[in-house]
Amino acid sequence: MAIATSPDAPHTSGHGAGSTHSPGETRRDFLMLATGAAGAVAVVAAVGPQVDQMNPAADTRAAGAPTEVALSKRQPRQQSQAPWRSHPMFLLRRTPATMKRRKSRLPDFRILMALRTL
């Protein structure tokens, strides 16, 4: 429902020195800001732990530590085995003829993983 005002009445909808806000309107603005701020805090509080749980645990990081293998001692066509996270890792040094025949740009080592599933 619209309220009719006379042309002589002061304009109260604008902001600035000439505006007159009612206490309810100021309180409403404050409540809207407070509600928005509380909602933002709640979102951060809810999403923070979910993002944190996606990071690997310390024991998982330790189990996935790099495995060092001396590759320079391997002869062409020599196959060896090294453990990585309790899984066997097979290393094969390719011969120059194999590399040339396959036009390979990859290193002369082939690394294969044998993953066991239960």
N, C-alpha and C. Protein backbone atom coordinates (compact mmCIF):
# COMPACT_ATOMS: atom_id res chain seq x y z
N MET A 1 0.85 -1.17 0.00
CA MET A 1 0.00 0.00 0.00
C MET A 1 0.89 1.22 0.00
N ALA A 2 0.65 2.13 -0.91
CA ALA A 2 1.46 3.34 -1.04
C ALA A 2 0.86 4.44 -0.18
N ILE A 3 1.73 5.23 0.42
CA ILE A 3 1.29 6.36 1.24
C ILE A 3 1.50 7.62 0.43
N ALA A 4 0.47 8.37 0.32
CA ALA A 4 0.54 9.62 -0.44
C ALA A 4 1.18 10.69 0.42
N THR A 5 2.11 11.43 -0.15
CA THR A 5 2.76 12.53 0.57
C THR A 5 2.56 13.80 -0.23
N SER A 6 2.60 14.87 0.45
CA SER A 6 2.45 16.15 -0.22
C SER A 6 3.79 16.56 -0.83
N PRO A 7 3.78 17.41 -1.83
CA PRO A 7 5.04 17.84 -2.44
C PRO A 7 5.92 18.62 -1.47
N ASP A 8 5.34 19.18 -0.40
CA ASP A 8 6.12 19.97 0.55
C ASP A 8 6.83 19.10 1.60
N ALA A 9 6.50 17.79 1.68
CA ALA A 9 7.09 16.93 2.71
C ALA A 9 8.55 16.63 2.37
N PRO A 10 9.42 16.53 3.39
CA PRO A 10 10.84 16.24 3.11
C PRO A 10 11.01 14.83 2.56
N HIS A 11 11.97 14.72 1.67
CA HIS A 11 12.26 13.43 1.03
C HIS A 11 13.11 12.61 2.01
N THR A 12 12.64 11.41 2.38
CA THR A 12 13.33 10.63 3.41
C THR A 12 13.97 9.35 2.89
N SER A 13 13.90 9.10 1.59
CA SER A 13 14.44 7.83 1.10
C SER A 13 15.91 7.92 0.72
N GLY A 14 16.48 9.08 0.60
CA GLY A 14 17.87 9.24 0.19
C GLY A 14 18.81 9.15 1.37
N HIS A 15 20.08 9.05 1.06
CA HIS A 15 21.10 9.03 2.09
C HIS A 15 21.83 10.37 2.08
N GLY A 16 22.32 10.76 3.21
CA GLY A 16 23.06 12.00 3.28
C GLY A 16 22.58 12.83 4.46
N ALA A 17 22.97 14.10 4.46
CA ALA A 17 22.66 14.96 5.59
C ALA A 17 21.17 15.27 5.70
N GLY A 18 20.47 15.34 4.58
CA GLY A 18 19.07 15.70 4.61
C GLY A 18 18.14 14.52 4.87
N SER A 19 18.67 13.28 4.93
CA SER A 19 17.78 12.13 5.10
C SER A 19 17.52 11.87 6.57
N THR A 20 16.37 11.36 6.81
CA THR A 20 16.01 10.99 8.19
C THR A 20 15.60 9.53 8.18
N HIS A 21 16.45 8.69 8.76
CA HIS A 21 16.16 7.26 8.83
C HIS A 21 15.44 6.98 10.13
N SER A 22 14.51 6.08 10.04
CA SER A 22 13.85 5.65 11.27
C SER A 22 14.76 4.66 11.98
N PRO A 23 14.65 4.51 13.29
CA PRO A 23 15.50 3.56 14.02
C PRO A 23 15.33 2.13 13.53
N GLY A 24 14.16 1.76 13.07
CA GLY A 24 13.93 0.41 12.55
C GLY A 24 14.72 0.15 11.29
N GLU A 25 14.86 1.13 10.44
CA GLU A 25 15.58 0.96 9.20
C GLU A 25 17.08 0.80 9.45
N THR A 26 17.64 1.53 10.38
CA THR A 26 19.04 1.41 10.74
C THR A 26 19.29 0.05 11.39
N ARG A 27 18.41 -0.36 12.24
CA ARG A 27 18.54 -1.65 12.92
C ARG A 27 18.46 -2.79 11.89
N ARG A 28 17.59 -2.64 10.91
CA ARG A 28 17.45 -3.66 9.87
C ARG A 28 18.74 -3.78 9.08
N ASP A 29 19.35 -2.67 8.73
CA ASP A 29 20.62 -2.70 8.00
C ASP A 29 21.70 -3.41 8.82
N PHE A 30 21.76 -3.09 10.10
CA PHE A 30 22.74 -3.73 10.98
C PHE A 30 22.49 -5.23 11.06
N LEU A 31 21.24 -5.61 11.21
CA LEU A 31 20.92 -7.04 11.31
C LEU A 31 21.26 -7.79 10.02
N MET A 32 21.05 -7.15 8.88
CA MET A 32 21.41 -7.78 7.61
C MET A 32 22.93 -7.98 7.52
N LEU A 33 23.70 -6.98 7.91
CA LEU A 33 25.16 -7.11 7.89
C LEU A 33 25.63 -8.16 8.89
N ALA A 34 25.05 -8.16 10.08
CA ALA A 34 25.44 -9.13 11.09
C ALA A 34 25.10 -10.56 10.65
N THR A 35 23.95 -10.73 10.03
CA THR A 35 23.56 -12.05 9.54
C THR A 35 24.50 -12.51 8.43
N GLY A 36 24.84 -11.62 7.52
CA GLY A 36 25.77 -11.97 6.45
C GLY A 36 27.14 -12.34 6.99
N ALA A 37 27.62 -11.58 7.98
CA ALA A 37 28.92 -11.87 8.58
C ALA A 37 28.89 -13.21 9.31
N ALA A 38 27.82 -13.49 10.03
CA ALA A 38 27.69 -14.76 10.74
C ALA A 38 27.63 -15.92 9.75
N GLY A 39 26.95 -15.72 8.64
CA GLY A 39 26.89 -16.75 7.61
C GLY A 39 28.25 -17.02 7.00
N ALA A 40 29.02 -15.97 6.76
CA ALA A 40 30.36 -16.14 6.19
C ALA A 40 31.26 -16.89 7.17
N VAL A 41 31.17 -16.57 8.45
CA VAL A 41 31.97 -17.27 9.46
C VAL A 41 31.56 -18.74 9.52
N ALA A 42 30.26 -19.01 9.43
CA ALA A 42 29.78 -20.39 9.47
C ALA A 42 30.27 -21.18 8.26
N VAL A 43 30.30 -20.56 7.10
CA VAL A 43 30.78 -21.25 5.90
C VAL A 43 32.26 -21.58 6.05
N VAL A 44 33.05 -20.64 6.51
CA VAL A 44 34.49 -20.88 6.70
C VAL A 44 34.70 -21.97 7.75
N ALA A 45 33.92 -21.94 8.83
CA ALA A 45 34.06 -22.95 9.87
C ALA A 45 33.66 -24.33 9.38
N ALA A 46 32.71 -24.41 8.47
CA ALA A 46 32.28 -25.71 7.96
C ALA A 46 33.20 -26.23 6.86
N VAL A 47 33.70 -25.36 6.00
CA VAL A 47 34.50 -25.79 4.85
C VAL A 47 35.96 -26.02 5.26
N GLY A 48 36.46 -25.29 6.24
CA GLY A 48 37.86 -25.42 6.66
C GLY A 48 38.27 -26.84 7.00
N PRO A 49 37.56 -27.52 7.90
CA PRO A 49 37.94 -28.90 8.22
C PRO A 49 37.81 -29.87 7.04
N GLN A 50 36.85 -29.62 6.16
CA GLN A 50 36.69 -30.50 5.00
C GLN A 50 37.88 -30.37 4.05
N VAL A 51 38.37 -29.16 3.87
CA VAL A 51 39.54 -28.96 3.02
C VAL A 51 40.78 -29.55 3.69
N ASP A 52 40.88 -29.40 5.00
CA ASP A 52 42.03 -29.91 5.73
C ASP A 52 42.09 -31.44 5.70
N GLN A 53 40.96 -32.11 5.73
CA GLN A 53 40.97 -33.57 5.72
C GLN A 53 41.40 -34.14 4.37
N MET A 54 41.41 -33.33 3.31
CA MET A 54 41.87 -33.80 2.01
C MET A 54 43.38 -33.92 1.92
N ASN A 55 44.11 -33.28 2.83
CA ASN A 55 45.56 -33.39 2.85
C ASN A 55 45.96 -34.75 3.39
N PRO A 56 47.04 -35.34 2.88
CA PRO A 56 47.44 -36.66 3.38
C PRO A 56 47.96 -36.58 4.81
N ALA A 57 47.76 -37.64 5.54
CA ALA A 57 48.23 -37.72 6.92
C ALA A 57 49.75 -37.87 6.93
N ALA A 58 50.36 -37.67 8.10
CA ALA A 58 51.82 -37.73 8.22
C ALA A 58 52.33 -39.13 7.91
N ASP A 59 51.63 -40.18 8.37
CA ASP A 59 52.09 -41.54 8.09
C ASP A 59 51.99 -41.88 6.61
N THR A 60 51.02 -41.31 5.93
CA THR A 60 50.89 -41.53 4.49
C THR A 60 52.01 -40.84 3.74
N ARG A 61 52.33 -39.61 4.16
CA ARG A 61 53.45 -38.90 3.52
C ARG A 61 54.76 -39.63 3.75
N ALA A 62 54.94 -40.18 4.95
CA ALA A 62 56.18 -40.91 5.25
C ALA A 62 56.25 -42.20 4.44
N ALA A 63 55.12 -42.86 4.23
CA ALA A 63 55.11 -44.12 3.46
C ALA A 63 55.41 -43.86 2.00
N GLY A 64 55.09 -42.69 1.51
CA GLY A 64 55.33 -42.36 0.11
C GLY A 64 56.62 -41.63 -0.11
N ALA A 65 57.55 -41.77 0.82
CA ALA A 65 58.84 -41.09 0.68
C ALA A 65 59.54 -41.60 -0.58
N PRO A 66 60.35 -40.77 -1.20
CA PRO A 66 61.03 -41.19 -2.42
C PRO A 66 61.94 -42.39 -2.19
N THR A 67 61.98 -43.27 -3.17
CA THR A 67 62.86 -44.42 -3.15
C THR A 67 64.02 -44.14 -4.09
N GLU A 68 65.23 -44.27 -3.58
CA GLU A 68 66.41 -44.00 -4.40
C GLU A 68 67.01 -45.31 -4.90
N VAL A 69 67.25 -45.35 -6.18
CA VAL A 69 67.85 -46.52 -6.82
C VAL A 69 69.00 -46.02 -7.68
N ALA A 70 70.14 -46.69 -7.60
CA ALA A 70 71.31 -46.31 -8.41
C ALA A 70 71.12 -46.86 -9.82
N LEU A 71 70.74 -45.99 -10.74
CA LEU A 71 70.46 -46.41 -12.11
C LEU A 71 71.72 -46.48 -12.97
N SER A 72 72.74 -45.76 -12.58
CA SER A 72 73.94 -45.71 -13.42
C SER A 72 74.67 -47.05 -13.45
N LYS A 73 74.46 -47.91 -12.47
CA LYS A 73 75.15 -49.21 -12.42
C LYS A 73 74.45 -50.27 -13.27
N ARG A 74 73.32 -49.97 -13.81
CA ARG A 74 72.56 -50.96 -14.60
C ARG A 74 73.14 -51.06 -16.01
N GLN A 75 73.21 -52.29 -16.50
CA GLN A 75 73.68 -52.57 -17.85
C GLN A 75 72.46 -52.67 -18.77
N PRO A 76 72.64 -52.45 -20.08
CA PRO A 76 71.51 -52.62 -21.00
C PRO A 76 70.92 -54.03 -20.90
N ARG A 77 69.63 -54.12 -20.96
CA ARG A 77 68.83 -55.33 -20.84
C ARG A 77 68.84 -55.92 -19.44
N GLN A 78 69.38 -55.22 -18.49
CA GLN A 78 69.40 -55.72 -17.12
C GLN A 78 68.12 -55.27 -16.43
N GLN A 79 67.46 -56.22 -15.80
CA GLN A 79 66.23 -55.93 -15.07
C GLN A 79 66.51 -56.07 -13.59
N SER A 80 65.99 -55.14 -12.81
CA SER A 80 66.15 -55.22 -11.36
C SER A 80 64.83 -54.84 -10.70
N GLN A 81 64.80 -55.04 -9.41
CA GLN A 81 63.57 -54.80 -8.67
C GLN A 81 63.90 -53.97 -7.43
N ALA A 82 63.01 -53.01 -7.12
CA ALA A 82 63.17 -52.17 -5.94
C ALA A 82 61.79 -52.01 -5.29
N PRO A 83 61.74 -51.95 -3.96
CA PRO A 83 60.44 -51.78 -3.31
C PRO A 83 60.02 -50.32 -3.26
N TRP A 84 58.74 -50.09 -3.39
CA TRP A 84 58.17 -48.74 -3.23
C TRP A 84 56.80 -48.91 -2.61
N ARG A 85 56.62 -48.39 -1.40
CA ARG A 85 55.36 -48.54 -0.64
C ARG A 85 54.92 -49.99 -0.57
N SER A 86 55.85 -50.85 -0.31
CA SER A 86 55.66 -52.30 -0.18
C SER A 86 55.18 -52.96 -1.47
N HIS A 87 55.33 -52.31 -2.59
CA HIS A 87 55.01 -52.88 -3.89
C HIS A 87 56.30 -53.01 -4.69
N PRO A 88 56.43 -54.06 -5.48
CA PRO A 88 57.65 -54.18 -6.29
C PRO A 88 57.62 -53.23 -7.48
N MET A 89 58.77 -52.65 -7.73
CA MET A 89 58.95 -51.74 -8.86
C MET A 89 60.05 -52.37 -9.73
N PHE A 90 59.73 -52.65 -10.99
CA PHE A 90 60.67 -53.30 -11.89
C PHE A 90 61.33 -52.25 -12.77
N LEU A 91 62.67 -52.32 -12.84
CA LEU A 91 63.45 -51.38 -13.63
C LEU A 91 64.15 -52.14 -14.75
N LEU A 92 64.05 -51.64 -15.95
CA LEU A 92 64.68 -52.28 -17.10
C LEU A 92 65.41 -51.20 -17.89
N ARG A 93 66.69 -51.43 -18.13
CA ARG A 93 67.46 -50.50 -18.95
C ARG A 93 67.39 -50.97 -20.39
N ARG A 94 66.93 -50.10 -21.27
CA ARG A 94 66.78 -50.45 -22.67
C ARG A 94 68.11 -50.31 -23.42
N THR A 95 68.23 -51.06 -24.47
CA THR A 95 69.44 -50.99 -25.30
C THR A 95 69.31 -49.81 -26.27
N PRO A 96 70.41 -49.28 -26.75
CA PRO A 96 70.34 -48.20 -27.73
C PRO A 96 69.60 -48.61 -29.00
N ALA A 97 69.70 -49.89 -29.39
CA ALA A 97 69.00 -50.36 -30.59
C ALA A 97 67.48 -50.30 -30.37
N THR A 98 67.03 -50.67 -29.17
CA THR A 98 65.60 -50.60 -28.86
C THR A 98 65.13 -49.15 -28.88
N MET A 99 65.92 -48.29 -28.35
CA MET A 99 65.55 -46.87 -28.31
C MET A 99 65.45 -46.32 -29.74
N LYS A 100 66.40 -46.69 -30.59
CA LYS A 100 66.41 -46.19 -31.97
C LYS A 100 65.25 -46.77 -32.77
N ARG A 101 64.99 -48.07 -32.58
CA ARG A 101 63.93 -48.74 -33.32
C ARG A 101 62.56 -48.16 -32.98
N ARG A 102 62.33 -47.81 -31.74
CA ARG A 102 61.03 -47.27 -31.32
C ARG A 102 60.98 -45.76 -31.43
N LYS A 103 62.07 -45.14 -31.86
CA LYS A 103 62.14 -43.68 -31.98
C LYS A 103 61.69 -43.01 -30.69
N SER A 104 62.20 -43.55 -29.60
CA SER A 104 61.78 -43.09 -28.28
C SER A 104 62.54 -41.84 -27.85
N ARG A 105 61.83 -40.91 -27.33
CA ARG A 105 62.44 -39.70 -26.75
C ARG A 105 62.49 -39.82 -25.23
N LEU A 106 62.00 -40.93 -24.72
CA LEU A 106 61.97 -41.14 -23.27
C LEU A 106 63.34 -41.60 -22.80
N PRO A 107 63.57 -41.56 -21.49
CA PRO A 107 64.84 -42.06 -20.96
C PRO A 107 65.02 -43.54 -21.30
N ASP A 108 66.26 -44.00 -21.16
CA ASP A 108 66.54 -45.38 -21.53
C ASP A 108 66.14 -46.39 -20.46
N PHE A 109 65.41 -45.96 -19.46
CA PHE A 109 64.91 -46.86 -18.43
C PHE A 109 63.41 -46.99 -18.55
N ARG A 110 62.94 -48.20 -18.31
CA ARG A 110 61.51 -48.45 -18.27
C ARG A 110 61.19 -48.89 -16.85
N ILE A 111 60.21 -48.23 -16.25
CA ILE A 111 59.84 -48.52 -14.87
C ILE A 111 58.41 -49.04 -14.86
N LEU A 112 58.25 -50.23 -14.31
CA LEU A 112 56.93 -50.87 -14.24
C LEU A 112 56.58 -51.10 -12.77
N MET A 113 55.33 -50.86 -12.44
CA MET A 113 54.85 -51.08 -11.08
C MET A 113 53.96 -52.31 -11.06
N ALA A 114 54.10 -53.13 -10.05
CA ALA A 114 53.24 -54.29 -9.86
C ALA A 114 52.40 -54.02 -8.62
N LEU A 115 51.16 -53.61 -8.84
CA LEU A 115 50.28 -53.30 -7.71
C LEU A 115 49.41 -54.51 -7.41
N ARG A 116 49.45 -54.92 -6.16
CA ARG A 116 48.63 -56.05 -5.74
C ARG A 116 47.35 -55.50 -5.12
N THR A 117 46.25 -56.06 -5.53
CA THR A 117 44.97 -55.68 -4.94
C THR A 117 44.35 -56.89 -4.29
N LEU A 118 43.60 -56.64 -3.26
CA LEU A 118 42.94 -57.74 -2.55
C LEU A 118 41.46 -57.69 -2.81
